[in-house]
Amino acid sequence: MEKYLTIEELCCILQVKKHYIYALTSQRRIPFFKMGRFLRFRKEDIDEWLKDKANRPEDIEKIKASAF
């Protein structure tokens, strides 16, 4: 069974604030989908996204800079 994360769960995993996740989703830089009006994140998609970002740390700095 697939694991779907809420924004609060994802914030705990990534150790970031909600506004950072909202910035990533509005820029379509993180995999997500909407379930009604709620954002959800597939655990497998997030794991893959993190692996990709670990290979390209300069992207993380660009995302952080544009989120604030």
N, C-alpha and C. Protein backbone atom coordinates (compact mmCIF):
# COMPACT_ATOMS: atom_id res chain seq x y z
N MET A 1 0.84 -1.19 0.00
CA MET A 1 0.00 0.00 0.00
C MET A 1 0.88 1.25 0.00
N GLU A 2 0.52 2.20 -0.83
CA GLU A 2 1.31 3.43 -0.93
C GLU A 2 1.10 4.31 0.29
N LYS A 3 2.17 5.00 0.66
CA LYS A 3 2.12 5.92 1.78
C LYS A 3 2.02 7.35 1.24
N TYR A 4 1.00 8.06 1.67
CA TYR A 4 0.81 9.45 1.28
C TYR A 4 1.07 10.34 2.49
N LEU A 5 1.85 11.37 2.27
CA LEU A 5 2.22 12.29 3.34
C LEU A 5 1.38 13.55 3.28
N THR A 6 1.04 14.08 4.45
CA THR A 6 0.44 15.40 4.52
C THR A 6 1.56 16.42 4.49
N ILE A 7 1.21 17.66 4.35
CA ILE A 7 2.23 18.71 4.35
C ILE A 7 2.93 18.78 5.71
N GLU A 8 2.19 18.53 6.78
CA GLU A 8 2.80 18.55 8.11
C GLU A 8 3.82 17.42 8.26
N GLU A 9 3.48 16.23 7.77
CA GLU A 9 4.41 15.10 7.84
C GLU A 9 5.66 15.37 7.01
N LEU A 10 5.45 15.94 5.82
CA LEU A 10 6.59 16.25 4.96
C LEU A 10 7.49 17.31 5.60
N CYS A 11 6.91 18.29 6.24
CA CYS A 11 7.70 19.31 6.94
C CYS A 11 8.56 18.67 8.02
N CYS A 12 8.02 17.72 8.74
CA CYS A 12 8.80 17.03 9.78
C CYS A 12 9.93 16.23 9.17
N ILE A 13 9.66 15.53 8.08
CA ILE A 13 10.69 14.72 7.43
C ILE A 13 11.82 15.60 6.90
N LEU A 14 11.46 16.68 6.22
CA LEU A 14 12.46 17.55 5.60
C LEU A 14 13.02 18.59 6.57
N GLN A 15 12.37 18.74 7.71
CA GLN A 15 12.74 19.73 8.72
C GLN A 15 12.73 21.15 8.15
N VAL A 16 11.60 21.47 7.51
CA VAL A 16 11.39 22.80 6.95
C VAL A 16 10.00 23.29 7.37
N LYS A 17 9.75 24.55 7.13
CA LYS A 17 8.44 25.12 7.46
C LYS A 17 7.47 24.97 6.30
N LYS A 18 6.20 25.10 6.61
CA LYS A 18 5.15 24.93 5.60
C LYS A 18 5.32 25.87 4.42
N HIS A 19 5.68 27.12 4.68
CA HIS A 19 5.76 28.08 3.58
C HIS A 19 6.81 27.67 2.55
N TYR A 20 7.84 26.95 2.99
CA TYR A 20 8.86 26.46 2.07
C TYR A 20 8.25 25.38 1.15
N ILE A 21 7.48 24.48 1.72
CA ILE A 21 6.82 23.44 0.91
C ILE A 21 5.83 24.07 -0.05
N TYR A 22 5.07 25.05 0.42
CA TYR A 22 4.12 25.74 -0.47
C TYR A 22 4.85 26.41 -1.63
N ALA A 23 6.01 26.99 -1.34
CA ALA A 23 6.80 27.62 -2.42
C ALA A 23 7.25 26.58 -3.43
N LEU A 24 7.70 25.43 -2.96
CA LEU A 24 8.13 24.36 -3.87
C LEU A 24 6.97 23.87 -4.73
N THR A 25 5.80 23.72 -4.14
CA THR A 25 4.66 23.23 -4.92
C THR A 25 4.18 24.28 -5.91
N SER A 26 4.18 25.53 -5.52
CA SER A 26 3.73 26.57 -6.45
C SER A 26 4.67 26.71 -7.64
N GLN A 27 5.94 26.37 -7.44
CA GLN A 27 6.93 26.40 -8.53
C GLN A 27 7.02 25.06 -9.25
N ARG A 28 6.22 24.10 -8.80
CA ARG A 28 6.23 22.74 -9.37
C ARG A 28 7.62 22.10 -9.29
N ARG A 29 8.30 22.31 -8.18
CA ARG A 29 9.66 21.78 -8.00
C ARG A 29 9.70 20.55 -7.10
N ILE A 30 8.55 20.12 -6.62
CA ILE A 30 8.46 18.93 -5.79
C ILE A 30 7.23 18.15 -6.26
N PRO A 31 7.33 16.83 -6.29
CA PRO A 31 6.16 16.05 -6.75
C PRO A 31 5.04 16.07 -5.70
N PHE A 32 3.84 16.39 -6.16
CA PHE A 32 2.69 16.46 -5.27
C PHE A 32 1.41 16.28 -6.09
N PHE A 33 0.32 16.09 -5.40
CA PHE A 33 -0.98 16.12 -6.04
C PHE A 33 -1.98 16.66 -5.05
N LYS A 34 -3.12 17.07 -5.56
CA LYS A 34 -4.16 17.62 -4.71
C LYS A 34 -5.26 16.58 -4.53
N MET A 35 -5.65 16.42 -3.30
CA MET A 35 -6.76 15.56 -2.96
C MET A 35 -7.84 16.50 -2.43
N GLY A 36 -8.72 16.88 -3.33
CA GLY A 36 -9.66 17.95 -2.98
C GLY A 36 -8.88 19.24 -2.87
N ARG A 37 -8.93 19.87 -1.73
CA ARG A 37 -8.16 21.10 -1.53
C ARG A 37 -6.86 20.88 -0.77
N PHE A 38 -6.57 19.61 -0.47
CA PHE A 38 -5.39 19.28 0.33
C PHE A 38 -4.24 18.79 -0.54
N LEU A 39 -3.04 19.19 -0.18
CA LEU A 39 -1.84 18.70 -0.85
C LEU A 39 -1.44 17.36 -0.25
N ARG A 40 -1.04 16.43 -1.11
CA ARG A 40 -0.54 15.14 -0.66
C ARG A 40 0.73 14.81 -1.43
N PHE A 41 1.59 14.04 -0.81
CA PHE A 41 2.89 13.70 -1.36
C PHE A 41 3.09 12.19 -1.22
N ARG A 42 3.37 11.53 -2.35
CA ARG A 42 3.67 10.09 -2.29
C ARG A 42 5.06 9.91 -1.71
N LYS A 43 5.18 9.04 -0.72
CA LYS A 43 6.47 8.81 -0.06
C LYS A 43 7.53 8.38 -1.07
N GLU A 44 7.18 7.52 -2.01
CA GLU A 44 8.13 7.04 -3.01
C GLU A 44 8.62 8.19 -3.89
N ASP A 45 7.71 9.09 -4.27
CA ASP A 45 8.08 10.25 -5.10
C ASP A 45 9.04 11.17 -4.35
N ILE A 46 8.77 11.38 -3.08
CA ILE A 46 9.62 12.26 -2.28
C ILE A 46 11.00 11.64 -2.09
N ASP A 47 11.05 10.34 -1.85
CA ASP A 47 12.34 9.66 -1.72
C ASP A 47 13.17 9.82 -2.99
N GLU A 48 12.53 9.64 -4.13
CA GLU A 48 13.23 9.78 -5.42
C GLU A 48 13.67 11.23 -5.64
N TRP A 49 12.82 12.18 -5.29
CA TRP A 49 13.13 13.60 -5.43
C TRP A 49 14.34 13.97 -4.56
N LEU A 50 14.37 13.43 -3.35
CA LEU A 50 15.50 13.71 -2.46
C LEU A 50 16.79 13.12 -2.99
N LYS A 51 16.73 11.92 -3.55
CA LYS A 51 17.93 11.32 -4.15
C LYS A 51 18.44 12.19 -5.29
N ASP A 52 17.53 12.67 -6.11
CA ASP A 52 17.91 13.53 -7.23
C ASP A 52 18.54 14.82 -6.72
N LYS A 53 17.98 15.42 -5.71
CA LYS A 53 18.50 16.68 -5.17
C LYS A 53 19.84 16.47 -4.48
N ALA A 54 20.05 15.30 -3.89
CA ALA A 54 21.33 15.02 -3.24
C ALA A 54 22.46 14.97 -4.27
N ASN A 55 22.11 14.61 -5.49
CA ASN A 55 23.11 14.56 -6.55
C ASN A 55 23.37 15.93 -7.16
N ARG A 56 22.47 16.90 -6.88
CA ARG A 56 22.62 18.25 -7.44
C ARG A 56 22.35 19.28 -6.35
N PRO A 57 23.27 19.48 -5.41
CA PRO A 57 23.02 20.39 -4.28
C PRO A 57 22.83 21.85 -4.69
N GLU A 58 23.33 22.24 -5.84
CA GLU A 58 23.14 23.63 -6.27
C GLU A 58 21.67 23.95 -6.52
N ASP A 59 20.88 22.95 -6.89
CA ASP A 59 19.44 23.16 -7.09
C ASP A 59 18.75 23.52 -5.79
N ILE A 60 19.17 22.92 -4.70
CA ILE A 60 18.56 23.20 -3.40
C ILE A 60 18.79 24.65 -3.01
N GLU A 61 19.97 25.17 -3.28
CA GLU A 61 20.26 26.57 -2.96
C GLU A 61 19.40 27.51 -3.81
N LYS A 62 19.18 27.18 -5.07
CA LYS A 62 18.32 27.99 -5.93
C LYS A 62 16.89 28.00 -5.41
N ILE A 63 16.41 26.83 -4.99
CA ILE A 63 15.04 26.72 -4.47
C ILE A 63 14.91 27.54 -3.19
N LYS A 64 15.87 27.42 -2.29
CA LYS A 64 15.81 28.17 -1.05
C LYS A 64 15.83 29.67 -1.31
N ALA A 65 16.64 30.11 -2.24
CA ALA A 65 16.74 31.53 -2.55
C ALA A 65 15.43 32.07 -3.13
N SER A 66 14.77 31.28 -3.96
CA SER A 66 13.53 31.75 -4.59
C SER A 66 12.32 31.62 -3.67
N ALA A 67 12.46 30.85 -2.59
CA ALA A 67 11.33 30.64 -1.69
C ALA A 67 11.15 31.78 -0.69
N PHE A 68 12.14 32.63 -0.54
CA PHE A 68 12.05 33.67 0.46
C PHE A 68 12.07 35.05 -0.13
